[in-house]
Amino acid sequence: MSEKHAAIAMEATQPKPTAMVIGAQGFDGLRRHGEQTVDWAALCRLPPFQRFIETKRQNPMGIASDKFAVEVAHALCAEAGGPEALIAEYEAWHAATGMWPHETPYGRPR
């Protein structure tokens, strides 16, 4: 076997490093500098949060619940001057309903 083939065979057996990913992540228009960020996409996929949002605004056009929750959450945060009030209200609503006693407002088991 030639040196070239031996080098190729040796290279093929060595583990490759993890891929480097470069891309745009966008920005969070609801976050001010220094504030804790909220993963709105994850929160808006949770059925309890979707139900909370529907207590605030009705979904008139049958938009997918997670997409509707994102739109309404952004609007409610803008009206309230930030996400803190909406998050606090959601947490209180979640506790008061008692419908999900074994999970946190963020979908984690208690």
PDB file of N, CA and C in Angstrom:
ATOM      1  N   MET A   1       0.856  -1.168   0.000  1.00  0.00           N
ATOM      2  CA  MET A   1       0.000   0.000   0.000  1.00  0.00           C
ATOM      3  C   MET A   1       0.902   1.231   0.000  1.00  0.00           C
ATOM      4  N   SER A   2       0.555   2.174  -0.833  1.00  0.00           N
ATOM      5  CA  SER A   2       1.369   3.386  -0.923  1.00  0.00           C
ATOM      6  C   SER A   2       1.173   4.257   0.311  1.00  0.00           C
ATOM      7  N   GLU A   3       2.086   5.192   0.486  1.00  0.00           N
ATOM      8  CA  GLU A   3       1.991   6.099   1.638  1.00  0.00           C
ATOM      9  C   GLU A   3       0.701   6.929   1.565  1.00  0.00           C
ATOM     10  N   LYS A   4       0.316   7.305   0.365  1.00  0.00           N
ATOM     11  CA  LYS A   4      -0.897   8.104   0.188  1.00  0.00           C
ATOM     12  C   LYS A   4      -2.122   7.314   0.643  1.00  0.00           C
ATOM     13  N   HIS A   5      -2.235   6.061   0.212  1.00  0.00           N
ATOM     14  CA  HIS A   5      -3.364   5.220   0.591  1.00  0.00           C
ATOM     15  C   HIS A   5      -3.361   4.922   2.089  1.00  0.00           C
ATOM     16  N   ALA A   6      -2.182   4.743   2.653  1.00  0.00           N
ATOM     17  CA  ALA A   6      -2.060   4.492   4.085  1.00  0.00           C
ATOM     18  C   ALA A   6      -2.526   5.708   4.885  1.00  0.00           C
ATOM     19  N   ALA A   7      -2.184   6.894   4.416  1.00  0.00           N
ATOM     20  CA  ALA A   7      -2.587   8.132   5.098  1.00  0.00           C
ATOM     21  C   ALA A   7      -4.104   8.311   5.021  1.00  0.00           C
ATOM     22  N   ILE A   8      -4.687   7.992   3.875  1.00  0.00           N
ATOM     23  CA  ILE A   8      -6.142   8.105   3.707  1.00  0.00           C
ATOM     24  C   ILE A   8      -6.849   7.104   4.608  1.00  0.00           C
ATOM     25  N   ALA A   9      -6.338   5.871   4.678  1.00  0.00           N
ATOM     26  CA  ALA A   9      -6.935   4.843   5.534  1.00  0.00           C
ATOM     27  C   ALA A   9      -6.831   5.240   7.000  1.00  0.00           C
ATOM     28  N   MET A  10      -5.692   5.810   7.403  1.00  0.00           N
ATOM     29  CA  MET A  10      -5.495   6.247   8.781  1.00  0.00           C
ATOM     30  C   MET A  10      -6.458   7.389   9.116  1.00  0.00           C
ATOM     31  N   GLU A  11      -6.618   8.319   8.189  1.00  0.00           N
ATOM     32  CA  GLU A  11      -7.497   9.472   8.400  1.00  0.00           C
ATOM     33  C   GLU A  11      -8.955   9.035   8.519  1.00  0.00           C
ATOM     34  N   ALA A  12      -9.367   8.022   7.770  1.00  0.00           N
ATOM     35  CA  ALA A  12     -10.747   7.544   7.775  1.00  0.00           C
ATOM     36  C   ALA A  12     -11.121   6.883   9.103  1.00  0.00           C
ATOM     37  N   THR A  13     -10.137   6.358   9.822  1.00  0.00           N
ATOM     38  CA  THR A  13     -10.438   5.670  11.082  1.00  0.00           C
ATOM     39  C   THR A  13     -10.432   6.611  12.281  1.00  0.00           C
ATOM     40  N   GLN A  14      -9.934   7.808  12.130  1.00  0.00           N
ATOM     41  CA  GLN A  14      -9.894   8.759  13.239  1.00  0.00           C
ATOM     42  C   GLN A  14     -11.238   9.496  13.333  1.00  0.00           C
ATOM     43  N   PRO A  15     -11.722   9.724  14.561  1.00  0.00           N
ATOM     44  CA  PRO A  15     -12.999  10.436  14.707  1.00  0.00           C
ATOM     45  C   PRO A  15     -12.871  11.886  14.240  1.00  0.00           C
ATOM     46  N   LYS A  16     -13.906  12.343  13.611  1.00  0.00           N
ATOM     47  CA  LYS A  16     -13.904  13.716  13.125  1.00  0.00           C
ATOM     48  C   LYS A  16     -14.348  14.651  14.248  1.00  0.00           C
ATOM     49  N   PRO A  17     -13.846  15.857  14.247  1.00  0.00           N
ATOM     50  CA  PRO A  17     -14.301  16.815  15.260  1.00  0.00           C
ATOM     51  C   PRO A  17     -15.745  17.223  14.963  1.00  0.00           C
ATOM     52  N   THR A  18     -16.403  17.732  15.984  1.00  0.00           N
ATOM     53  CA  THR A  18     -17.783  18.178  15.765  1.00  0.00           C
ATOM     54  C   THR A  18     -17.799  19.344  14.786  1.00  0.00           C
ATOM     55  N   ALA A  19     -18.881  19.419  14.058  1.00  0.00           N
ATOM     56  CA  ALA A  19     -18.999  20.449  13.037  1.00  0.00           C
ATOM     57  C   ALA A  19     -19.163  21.824  13.671  1.00  0.00           C
ATOM     58  N   MET A  20     -18.588  22.819  13.037  1.00  0.00           N
ATOM     59  CA  MET A  20     -18.748  24.185  13.481  1.00  0.00           C
ATOM     60  C   MET A  20     -19.927  24.773  12.701  1.00  0.00           C
ATOM     61  N   VAL A  21     -20.844  25.388  13.421  1.00  0.00           N
ATOM     62  CA  VAL A  21     -22.026  25.940  12.778  1.00  0.00           C
ATOM     63  C   VAL A  21     -22.013  27.448  12.955  1.00  0.00           C
ATOM     64  N   ILE A  22     -22.166  28.132  11.861  1.00  0.00           N
ATOM     65  CA  ILE A  22     -22.239  29.593  11.902  1.00  0.00           C
ATOM     66  C   ILE A  22     -23.548  29.985  11.253  1.00  0.00           C
ATOM     67  N   GLY A  23     -24.312  30.812  11.934  1.00  0.00           N
ATOM     68  CA  GLY A  23     -25.587  31.238  11.366  1.00  0.00           C
ATOM     69  C   GLY A  23     -26.200  32.344  12.184  1.00  0.00           C
ATOM     70  N   ALA A  24     -27.194  32.948  11.631  1.00  0.00           N
ATOM     71  CA  ALA A  24     -27.904  34.025  12.323  1.00  0.00           C
ATOM     72  C   ALA A  24     -28.928  33.421  13.271  1.00  0.00           C
ATOM     73  N   GLN A  25     -28.952  33.895  14.476  1.00  0.00           N
ATOM     74  CA  GLN A  25     -29.902  33.420  15.466  1.00  0.00           C
ATOM     75  C   GLN A  25     -31.066  34.393  15.625  1.00  0.00           C
ATOM     76  N   GLY A  26     -30.987  35.541  15.003  1.00  0.00           N
ATOM     77  CA  GLY A  26     -32.052  36.532  15.141  1.00  0.00           C
ATOM     78  C   GLY A  26     -31.870  37.331  16.413  1.00  0.00           C
ATOM     79  N   PHE A  27     -32.922  37.991  16.820  1.00  0.00           N
ATOM     80  CA  PHE A  27     -32.859  38.754  18.051  1.00  0.00           C
ATOM     81  C   PHE A  27     -34.178  38.616  18.779  1.00  0.00           C
ATOM     82  N   ASP A  28     -34.137  38.860  20.055  1.00  0.00           N
ATOM     83  CA  ASP A  28     -35.331  38.772  20.881  1.00  0.00           C
ATOM     84  C   ASP A  28     -35.807  40.191  21.137  1.00  0.00           C
ATOM     85  N   GLY A  29     -36.832  40.600  20.459  1.00  0.00           N
ATOM     86  CA  GLY A  29     -37.346  41.952  20.584  1.00  0.00           C
ATOM     87  C   GLY A  29     -38.012  42.218  21.912  1.00  0.00           C
ATOM     88  N   LEU A  30     -38.217  41.175  22.722  1.00  0.00           N
ATOM     89  CA  LEU A  30     -38.870  41.360  24.012  1.00  0.00           C
ATOM     90  C   LEU A  30     -37.864  41.451  25.150  1.00  0.00           C
ATOM     91  N   ARG A  31     -36.602  41.395  24.848  1.00  0.00           N
ATOM     92  CA  ARG A  31     -35.587  41.374  25.898  1.00  0.00           C
ATOM     93  C   ARG A  31     -34.784  42.668  25.894  1.00  0.00           C
ATOM     94  N   ARG A  32     -34.685  43.270  27.054  1.00  0.00           N
ATOM     95  CA  ARG A  32     -33.826  44.440  27.207  1.00  0.00           C
ATOM     96  C   ARG A  32     -32.474  43.975  27.707  1.00  0.00           C
ATOM     97  N   HIS A  33     -31.459  44.795  27.522  1.00  0.00           N
ATOM     98  CA  HIS A  33     -30.111  44.447  27.948  1.00  0.00           C
ATOM     99  C   HIS A  33     -30.099  44.103  29.436  1.00  0.00           C
ATOM    100  N   GLY A  34     -29.539  42.944  29.774  1.00  0.00           N
ATOM    101  CA  GLY A  34     -29.400  42.536  31.156  1.00  0.00           C
ATOM    102  C   GLY A  34     -30.563  41.725  31.706  1.00  0.00           C
ATOM    103  N   GLU A  35     -31.678  41.645  30.997  1.00  0.00           N
ATOM    104  CA  GLU A  35     -32.819  40.881  31.480  1.00  0.00           C
ATOM    105  C   GLU A  35     -32.640  39.403  31.168  1.00  0.00           C
ATOM    106  N   GLN A  36     -33.273  38.577  31.976  1.00  0.00           N
ATOM    107  CA  GLN A  36     -33.268  37.145  31.698  1.00  0.00           C
ATOM    108  C   GLN A  36     -34.151  36.906  30.480  1.00  0.00           C
ATOM    109  N   THR A  37     -33.689  36.093  29.575  1.00  0.00           N
ATOM    110  CA  THR A  37     -34.436  35.853  28.351  1.00  0.00           C
ATOM    111  C   THR A  37     -35.490  34.775  28.566  1.00  0.00           C
ATOM    112  N   VAL A  38     -36.538  34.845  27.783  1.00  0.00           N
ATOM    113  CA  VAL A  38     -37.606  33.852  27.815  1.00  0.00           C
ATOM    114  C   VAL A  38     -37.573  33.132  26.471  1.00  0.00           C
ATOM    115  N   ASP A  39     -37.602  31.823  26.501  1.00  0.00           N
ATOM    116  CA  ASP A  39     -37.657  31.053  25.267  1.00  0.00           C
ATOM    117  C   ASP A  39     -39.116  31.020  24.822  1.00  0.00           C
ATOM    118  N   TRP A  40     -39.505  32.047  24.078  1.00  0.00           N
ATOM    119  CA  TRP A  40     -40.910  32.210  23.689  1.00  0.00           C
ATOM    120  C   TRP A  40     -41.393  31.066  22.817  1.00  0.00           C
ATOM    121  N   ALA A  41     -40.554  30.572  21.934  1.00  0.00           N
ATOM    122  CA  ALA A  41     -40.976  29.473  21.050  1.00  0.00           C
ATOM    123  C   ALA A  41     -41.334  28.245  21.880  1.00  0.00           C
ATOM    124  N   ALA A  42     -40.494  27.916  22.863  1.00  0.00           N
ATOM    125  CA  ALA A  42     -40.754  26.748  23.714  1.00  0.00           C
ATOM    126  C   ALA A  42     -41.978  26.984  24.593  1.00  0.00           C
ATOM    127  N   LEU A  43     -42.066  28.170  25.181  1.00  0.00           N
ATOM    128  CA  LEU A  43     -43.195  28.483  26.052  1.00  0.00           C
ATOM    129  C   LEU A  43     -44.513  28.442  25.279  1.00  0.00           C
ATOM    130  N   CYS A  44     -44.516  28.966  24.077  1.00  0.00           N
ATOM    131  CA  CYS A  44     -45.743  29.030  23.280  1.00  0.00           C
ATOM    132  C   CYS A  44     -46.171  27.676  22.722  1.00  0.00           C
ATOM    133  N   ARG A  45     -45.297  26.672  22.786  1.00  0.00           N
ATOM    134  CA  ARG A  45     -45.678  25.313  22.375  1.00  0.00           C
ATOM    135  C   ARG A  45     -46.365  24.547  23.501  1.00  0.00           C
ATOM    136  N   LEU A  46     -46.300  25.068  24.723  1.00  0.00           N
ATOM    137  CA  LEU A  46     -46.892  24.359  25.857  1.00  0.00           C
ATOM    138  C   LEU A  46     -48.407  24.559  25.902  1.00  0.00           C
ATOM    139  N   PRO A  47     -49.171  23.478  25.998  1.00  0.00           N
ATOM    140  CA  PRO A  47     -50.629  23.609  26.075  1.00  0.00           C
ATOM    141  C   PRO A  47     -51.128  24.526  27.199  1.00  0.00           C
ATOM    142  N   PRO A  48     -50.519  24.501  28.406  1.00  0.00           N
ATOM    143  CA  PRO A  48     -51.012  25.426  29.422  1.00  0.00           C
ATOM    144  C   PRO A  48     -50.856  26.900  29.016  1.00  0.00           C
ATOM    145  N   PHE A  49     -49.719  27.230  28.404  1.00  0.00           N
ATOM    146  CA  PHE A  49     -49.521  28.625  27.994  1.00  0.00           C
ATOM    147  C   PHE A  49     -50.481  28.988  26.863  1.00  0.00           C
ATOM    148  N   GLN A  50     -50.707  28.066  25.938  1.00  0.00           N
ATOM    149  CA  GLN A  50     -51.660  28.313  24.852  1.00  0.00           C
ATOM    150  C   GLN A  50     -53.052  28.566  25.419  1.00  0.00           C
ATOM    151  N   ARG A  51     -53.418  27.794  26.422  1.00  0.00           N
ATOM    152  CA  ARG A  51     -54.740  27.983  27.038  1.00  0.00           C
ATOM    153  C   ARG A  51     -54.823  29.327  27.755  1.00  0.00           C
ATOM    154  N   PHE A  52     -53.748  29.696  28.456  1.00  0.00           N
ATOM    155  CA  PHE A  52     -53.683  30.998  29.117  1.00  0.00           C
ATOM    156  C   PHE A  52     -53.868  32.126  28.095  1.00  0.00           C
ATOM    157  N   ILE A  53     -53.172  32.020  26.976  1.00  0.00           N
ATOM    158  CA  ILE A  53     -53.275  33.049  25.931  1.00  0.00           C
ATOM    159  C   ILE A  53     -54.702  33.137  25.415  1.00  0.00           C
ATOM    160  N   GLU A  54     -55.364  31.996  25.256  1.00  0.00           N
ATOM    161  CA  GLU A  54     -56.737  32.008  24.753  1.00  0.00           C
ATOM    162  C   GLU A  54     -57.723  32.594  25.763  1.00  0.00           C
ATOM    163  N   THR A  55     -57.319  32.678  27.045  1.00  0.00           N
ATOM    164  CA  THR A  55     -58.171  33.386  28.010  1.00  0.00           C
ATOM    165  C   THR A  55     -58.032  34.885  27.825  1.00  0.00           C
ATOM    166  N   LYS A  56     -56.953  35.302  27.190  1.00  0.00           N
ATOM    167  CA  LYS A  56     -56.703  36.724  26.944  1.00  0.00           C
ATOM    168  C   LYS A  56     -57.326  37.199  25.638  1.00  0.00           C
ATOM    169  N   ARG A  57     -57.167  36.388  24.602  1.00  0.00           N
ATOM    170  CA  ARG A  57     -57.672  36.743  23.271  1.00  0.00           C
ATOM    171  C   ARG A  57     -58.152  35.480  22.583  1.00  0.00           C
ATOM    172  N   GLN A  58     -59.259  35.589  21.923  1.00  0.00           N
ATOM    173  CA  GLN A  58     -59.791  34.444  21.190  1.00  0.00           C
ATOM    174  C   GLN A  58     -59.095  34.328  19.842  1.00  0.00           C
ATOM    175  N   ASN A  59     -58.908  33.119  19.389  1.00  0.00           N
ATOM    176  CA  ASN A  59     -58.272  32.840  18.111  1.00  0.00           C
ATOM    177  C   ASN A  59     -59.357  32.851  17.034  1.00  0.00           C
ATOM    178  N   PRO A  60     -59.559  33.988  16.378  1.00  0.00           N
ATOM    179  CA  PRO A  60     -60.695  34.110  15.464  1.00  0.00           C
ATOM    180  C   PRO A  60     -60.533  33.398  14.126  1.00  0.00           C
ATOM    181  N   MET A  61     -59.315  33.148  13.687  1.00  0.00           N
ATOM    182  CA  MET A  61     -59.131  32.601  12.346  1.00  0.00           C
ATOM    183  C   MET A  61     -58.602  31.183  12.340  1.00  0.00           C
ATOM    184  N   GLY A  62     -58.585  30.513  13.474  1.00  0.00           N
ATOM    185  CA  GLY A  62     -58.108  29.139  13.511  1.00  0.00           C
ATOM    186  C   GLY A  62     -56.628  28.997  13.254  1.00  0.00           C
ATOM    187  N   ILE A  63     -55.838  30.004  13.637  1.00  0.00           N
ATOM    188  CA  ILE A  63     -54.385  29.937  13.497  1.00  0.00           C
ATOM    189  C   ILE A  63     -53.869  28.829  14.415  1.00  0.00           C
ATOM    190  N   ALA A  64     -52.807  28.176  14.033  1.00  0.00           N
ATOM    191  CA  ALA A  64     -52.199  27.144  14.886  1.00  0.00           C
ATOM    192  C   ALA A  64     -51.951  27.735  16.270  1.00  0.00           C
ATOM    193  N   SER A  65     -52.266  26.969  17.304  1.00  0.00           N
ATOM    194  CA  SER A  65     -52.219  27.483  18.682  1.00  0.00           C
ATOM    195  C   SER A  65     -50.861  28.040  19.076  1.00  0.00           C
ATOM    196  N   ASP A  66     -49.771  27.394  18.666  1.00  0.00           N
ATOM    197  CA  ASP A  66     -48.456  27.899  19.045  1.00  0.00           C
ATOM    198  C   ASP A  66     -48.130  29.213  18.342  1.00  0.00           C
ATOM    199  N   LYS A  67     -48.497  29.328  17.083  1.00  0.00           N
ATOM    200  CA  LYS A  67     -48.264  30.571  16.346  1.00  0.00           C
ATOM    201  C   LYS A  67     -49.135  31.702  16.901  1.00  0.00           C
ATOM    202  N   PHE A  68     -50.376  31.385  17.220  1.00  0.00           N
ATOM    203  CA  PHE A  68     -51.276  32.369  17.807  1.00  0.00           C
ATOM    204  C   PHE A  68     -50.733  32.830  19.162  1.00  0.00           C
ATOM    205  N   ALA A  69     -50.226  31.888  19.961  1.00  0.00           N
ATOM    206  CA  ALA A  69     -49.677  32.235  21.275  1.00  0.00           C
ATOM    207  C   ALA A  69     -48.485  33.180  21.139  1.00  0.00           C
ATOM    208  N   VAL A  70     -47.624  32.951  20.150  1.00  0.00           N
ATOM    209  CA  VAL A  70     -46.474  33.834  19.928  1.00  0.00           C
ATOM    210  C   VAL A  70     -46.955  35.239  19.592  1.00  0.00           C
ATOM    211  N   GLU A  71     -47.889  35.348  18.659  1.00  0.00           N
ATOM    212  CA  GLU A  71     -48.395  36.663  18.242  1.00  0.00           C
ATOM    213  C   GLU A  71     -49.023  37.413  19.409  1.00  0.00           C
ATOM    214  N   VAL A  72     -49.875  36.742  20.155  1.00  0.00           N
ATOM    215  CA  VAL A  72     -50.574  37.391  21.267  1.00  0.00           C
ATOM    216  C   VAL A  72     -49.606  37.718  22.397  1.00  0.00           C
ATOM    217  N   ALA A  73     -48.669  36.818  22.686  1.00  0.00           N
ATOM    218  CA  ALA A  73     -47.689  37.084  23.749  1.00  0.00           C
ATOM    219  C   ALA A  73     -46.877  38.327  23.429  1.00  0.00           C
ATOM    220  N   HIS A  74     -46.432  38.466  22.191  1.00  0.00           N
ATOM    221  CA  HIS A  74     -45.678  39.660  21.799  1.00  0.00           C
ATOM    222  C   HIS A  74     -46.535  40.913  21.956  1.00  0.00           C
ATOM    223  N   ALA A  75     -47.783  40.833  21.538  1.00  0.00           N
ATOM    224  CA  ALA A  75     -48.677  41.989  21.664  1.00  0.00           C
ATOM    225  C   ALA A  75     -48.929  42.337  23.128  1.00  0.00           C
ATOM    226  N   LEU A  76     -49.163  41.338  23.955  1.00  0.00           N
ATOM    227  CA  LEU A  76     -49.425  41.585  25.376  1.00  0.00           C
ATOM    228  C   LEU A  76     -48.194  42.138  26.086  1.00  0.00           C
ATOM    229  N   CYS A  77     -47.017  41.663  25.713  1.00  0.00           N
ATOM    230  CA  CYS A  77     -45.786  42.199  26.303  1.00  0.00           C
ATOM    231  C   CYS A  77     -45.588  43.663  25.906  1.00  0.00           C
ATOM    232  N   ALA A  78     -45.878  43.975  24.667  1.00  0.00           N
ATOM    233  CA  ALA A  78     -45.749  45.360  24.212  1.00  0.00           C
ATOM    234  C   ALA A  78     -46.732  46.264  24.955  1.00  0.00           C
ATOM    235  N   GLU A  79     -47.948  45.784  25.154  1.00  0.00           N
ATOM    236  CA  GLU A  79     -48.955  46.565  25.871  1.00  0.00           C
ATOM    237  C   GLU A  79     -48.563  46.781  27.332  1.00  0.00           C
ATOM    238  N   ALA A  80     -47.955  45.762  27.928  1.00  0.00           N
ATOM    239  CA  ALA A  80     -47.605  45.827  29.348  1.00  0.00           C
ATOM    240  C   ALA A  80     -46.252  46.496  29.589  1.00  0.00           C
ATOM    241  N   GLY A  81     -45.495  46.758  28.524  1.00  0.00           N
ATOM    242  CA  GLY A  81     -44.190  47.377  28.684  1.00  0.00           C
ATOM    243  C   GLY A  81     -43.063  46.396  28.946  1.00  0.00           C
ATOM    244  N   GLY A  82     -43.309  45.122  28.757  1.00  0.00           N
ATOM    245  CA  GLY A  82     -42.263  44.109  28.943  1.00  0.00           C
ATOM    246  C   GLY A  82     -42.860  42.764  29.297  1.00  0.00           C
ATOM    247  N   PRO A  83     -42.044  41.726  29.251  1.00  0.00           N
ATOM    248  CA  PRO A  83     -42.543  40.373  29.477  1.00  0.00           C
ATOM    249  C   PRO A  83     -42.769  40.004  30.941  1.00  0.00           C
ATOM    250  N   GLU A  84     -42.187  40.744  31.868  1.00  0.00           N
ATOM    251  CA  GLU A  84     -42.250  40.350  33.278  1.00  0.00           C
ATOM    252  C   GLU A  84     -43.685  40.226  33.782  1.00  0.00           C
ATOM    253  N   ALA A  85     -44.529  41.206  33.460  1.00  0.00           N
ATOM    254  CA  ALA A  85     -45.917  41.189  33.938  1.00  0.00           C
ATOM    255  C   ALA A  85     -46.682  40.005  33.345  1.00  0.00           C
ATOM    256  N   LEU A  86     -46.473  39.733  32.068  1.00  0.00           N
ATOM    257  CA  LEU A  86     -47.170  38.623  31.423  1.00  0.00           C
ATOM    258  C   LEU A  86     -46.724  37.289  32.021  1.00  0.00           C
ATOM    259  N   ILE A  87     -45.443  37.122  32.244  1.00  0.00           N
ATOM    260  CA  ILE A  87     -44.925  35.888  32.819  1.00  0.00           C
ATOM    261  C   ILE A  87     -45.474  35.699  34.233  1.00  0.00           C
ATOM    262  N   ALA A  88     -45.465  36.755  35.021  1.00  0.00           N
ATOM    263  CA  ALA A  88     -45.989  36.666  36.394  1.00  0.00           C
ATOM    264  C   ALA A  88     -47.477  36.309  36.382  1.00  0.00           C
ATOM    265  N   GLU A  89     -48.225  36.902  35.471  1.00  0.00           N
ATOM    266  CA  GLU A  89     -49.656  36.610  35.369  1.00  0.00           C
ATOM    267  C   GLU A  89     -49.885  35.161  34.942  1.00  0.00           C
ATOM    268  N   TYR A  90     -49.082  34.681  33.991  1.00  0.00           N
ATOM    269  CA  TYR A  90     -49.190  33.293  33.550  1.00  0.00           C
ATOM    270  C   TYR A  90     -48.880  32.334  34.702  1.00  0.00           C
ATOM    271  N   GLU A  91     -47.816  32.596  35.453  1.00  0.00           N
ATOM    272  CA  GLU A  91     -47.455  31.725  36.566  1.00  0.00           C
ATOM    273  C   GLU A  91     -48.572  31.678  37.607  1.00  0.00           C
ATOM    274  N   ALA A  92     -49.176  32.837  37.910  1.00  0.00           N
ATOM    275  CA  ALA A  92     -50.283  32.881  38.880  1.00  0.00           C
ATOM    276  C   ALA A  92     -51.493  32.125  38.335  1.00  0.00           C
ATOM    277  N   TRP A  93     -51.799  32.317  37.055  1.00  0.00           N
ATOM    278  CA  TRP A  93     -52.930  31.627  36.419  1.00  0.00           C
ATOM    279  C   TRP A  93     -52.705  30.115  36.464  1.00  0.00           C
ATOM    280  N   HIS A  94     -51.497  29.679  36.132  1.00  0.00           N
ATOM    281  CA  HIS A  94     -51.158  28.259  36.116  1.00  0.00           C
ATOM    282  C   HIS A  94     -51.391  27.640  37.491  1.00  0.00           C
ATOM    283  N   ALA A  95     -50.947  28.333  38.531  1.00  0.00           N
ATOM    284  CA  ALA A  95     -51.117  27.826  39.898  1.00  0.00           C
ATOM    285  C   ALA A  95     -52.594  27.824  40.293  1.00  0.00           C
ATOM    286  N   ALA A  96     -53.330  28.860  39.919  1.00  0.00           N
ATOM    287  CA  ALA A  96     -54.735  28.988  40.315  1.00  0.00           C
ATOM    288  C   ALA A  96     -55.630  27.959  39.637  1.00  0.00           C
ATOM    289  N   THR A  97     -55.329  27.596  38.393  1.00  0.00           N
ATOM    290  CA  THR A  97     -56.194  26.648  37.690  1.00  0.00           C
ATOM    291  C   THR A  97     -56.098  25.256  38.290  1.00  0.00           C
ATOM    292  N   GLY A  98     -54.926  24.862  38.739  1.00  0.00           N
ATOM    293  CA  GLY A  98     -54.740  23.531  39.307  1.00  0.00           C
ATOM    294  C   GLY A  98     -54.881  22.415  38.293  1.00  0.00           C
ATOM    295  N   MET A  99     -54.882  22.752  37.005  1.00  0.00           N
ATOM    296  CA  MET A  99     -55.086  21.746  35.964  1.00  0.00           C
ATOM    297  C   MET A  99     -53.833  20.925  35.672  1.00  0.00           C
ATOM    298  N   TRP A 100     -52.675  21.444  36.036  1.00  0.00           N
ATOM    299  CA  TRP A 100     -51.417  20.756  35.781  1.00  0.00           C
ATOM    300  C   TRP A 100     -50.637  20.689  37.093  1.00  0.00           C
ATOM    301  N   PRO A 101     -51.133  19.937  38.069  1.00  0.00           N
ATOM    302  CA  PRO A 101     -50.502  19.939  39.398  1.00  0.00           C
ATOM    303  C   PRO A 101     -49.114  19.297  39.443  1.00  0.00           C
ATOM    304  N   HIS A 102     -48.784  18.487  38.464  1.00  0.00           N
ATOM    305  CA  HIS A 102     -47.510  17.766  38.503  1.00  0.00           C
ATOM    306  C   HIS A 102     -46.458  18.354  37.581  1.00  0.00           C
ATOM    307  N   GLU A 103     -46.707  19.571  37.074  1.00  0.00           N
ATOM    308  CA  GLU A 103     -45.686  20.208  36.253  1.00  0.00           C
ATOM    309  C   GLU A 103     -45.624  21.695  36.554  1.00  0.00           C
ATOM    310  N   THR A 104     -44.468  22.259  36.306  1.00  0.00           N
ATOM    311  CA  THR A 104     -44.271  23.693  36.497  1.00  0.00           C
ATOM    312  C   THR A 104     -44.931  24.434  35.330  1.00  0.00           C
ATOM    313  N   PRO A 105     -45.055  25.752  35.421  1.00  0.00           N
ATOM    314  CA  PRO A 105     -45.606  26.510  34.290  1.00  0.00           C
ATOM    315  C   PRO A 105     -44.781  26.358  33.013  1.00  0.00           C
ATOM    316  N   TYR A 106     -43.563  25.853  33.157  1.00  0.00           N
ATOM    317  CA  TYR A 106     -42.667  25.710  31.997  1.00  0.00           C
ATOM    318  C   TYR A 106     -42.560  24.264  31.524  1.00  0.00           C
ATOM    319  N   GLY A 107     -43.499  23.421  31.957  1.00  0.00           N
ATOM    320  CA  GLY A 107     -43.594  22.053  31.465  1.00  0.00           C
ATOM    321  C   GLY A 107     -42.680  21.047  32.122  1.00  0.00           C
ATOM    322  N   ARG A 108     -41.950  21.456  33.130  1.00  0.00           N
ATOM    323  CA  ARG A 108     -41.052  20.518  33.818  1.00  0.00           C
ATOM    324  C   ARG A 108     -41.820  19.800  34.939  1.00  0.00           C
ATOM    325  N   PRO A 109     -41.465  18.546  35.197  1.00  0.00           N
ATOM    326  CA  PRO A 109     -42.136  17.831  36.297  1.00  0.00           C
ATOM    327  C   PRO A 109     -41.790  18.473  37.643  1.00  0.00           C
ATOM    328  N   ARG A 110     -42.759  18.436  38.540  1.00  0.00           N
ATOM    329  CA  ARG A 110     -42.508  18.960  39.902  1.00  0.00           C
ATOM    330  C   ARG A 110     -41.850  17.896  40.736  1.00  0.00           C
TER     331      ARG A 110
END
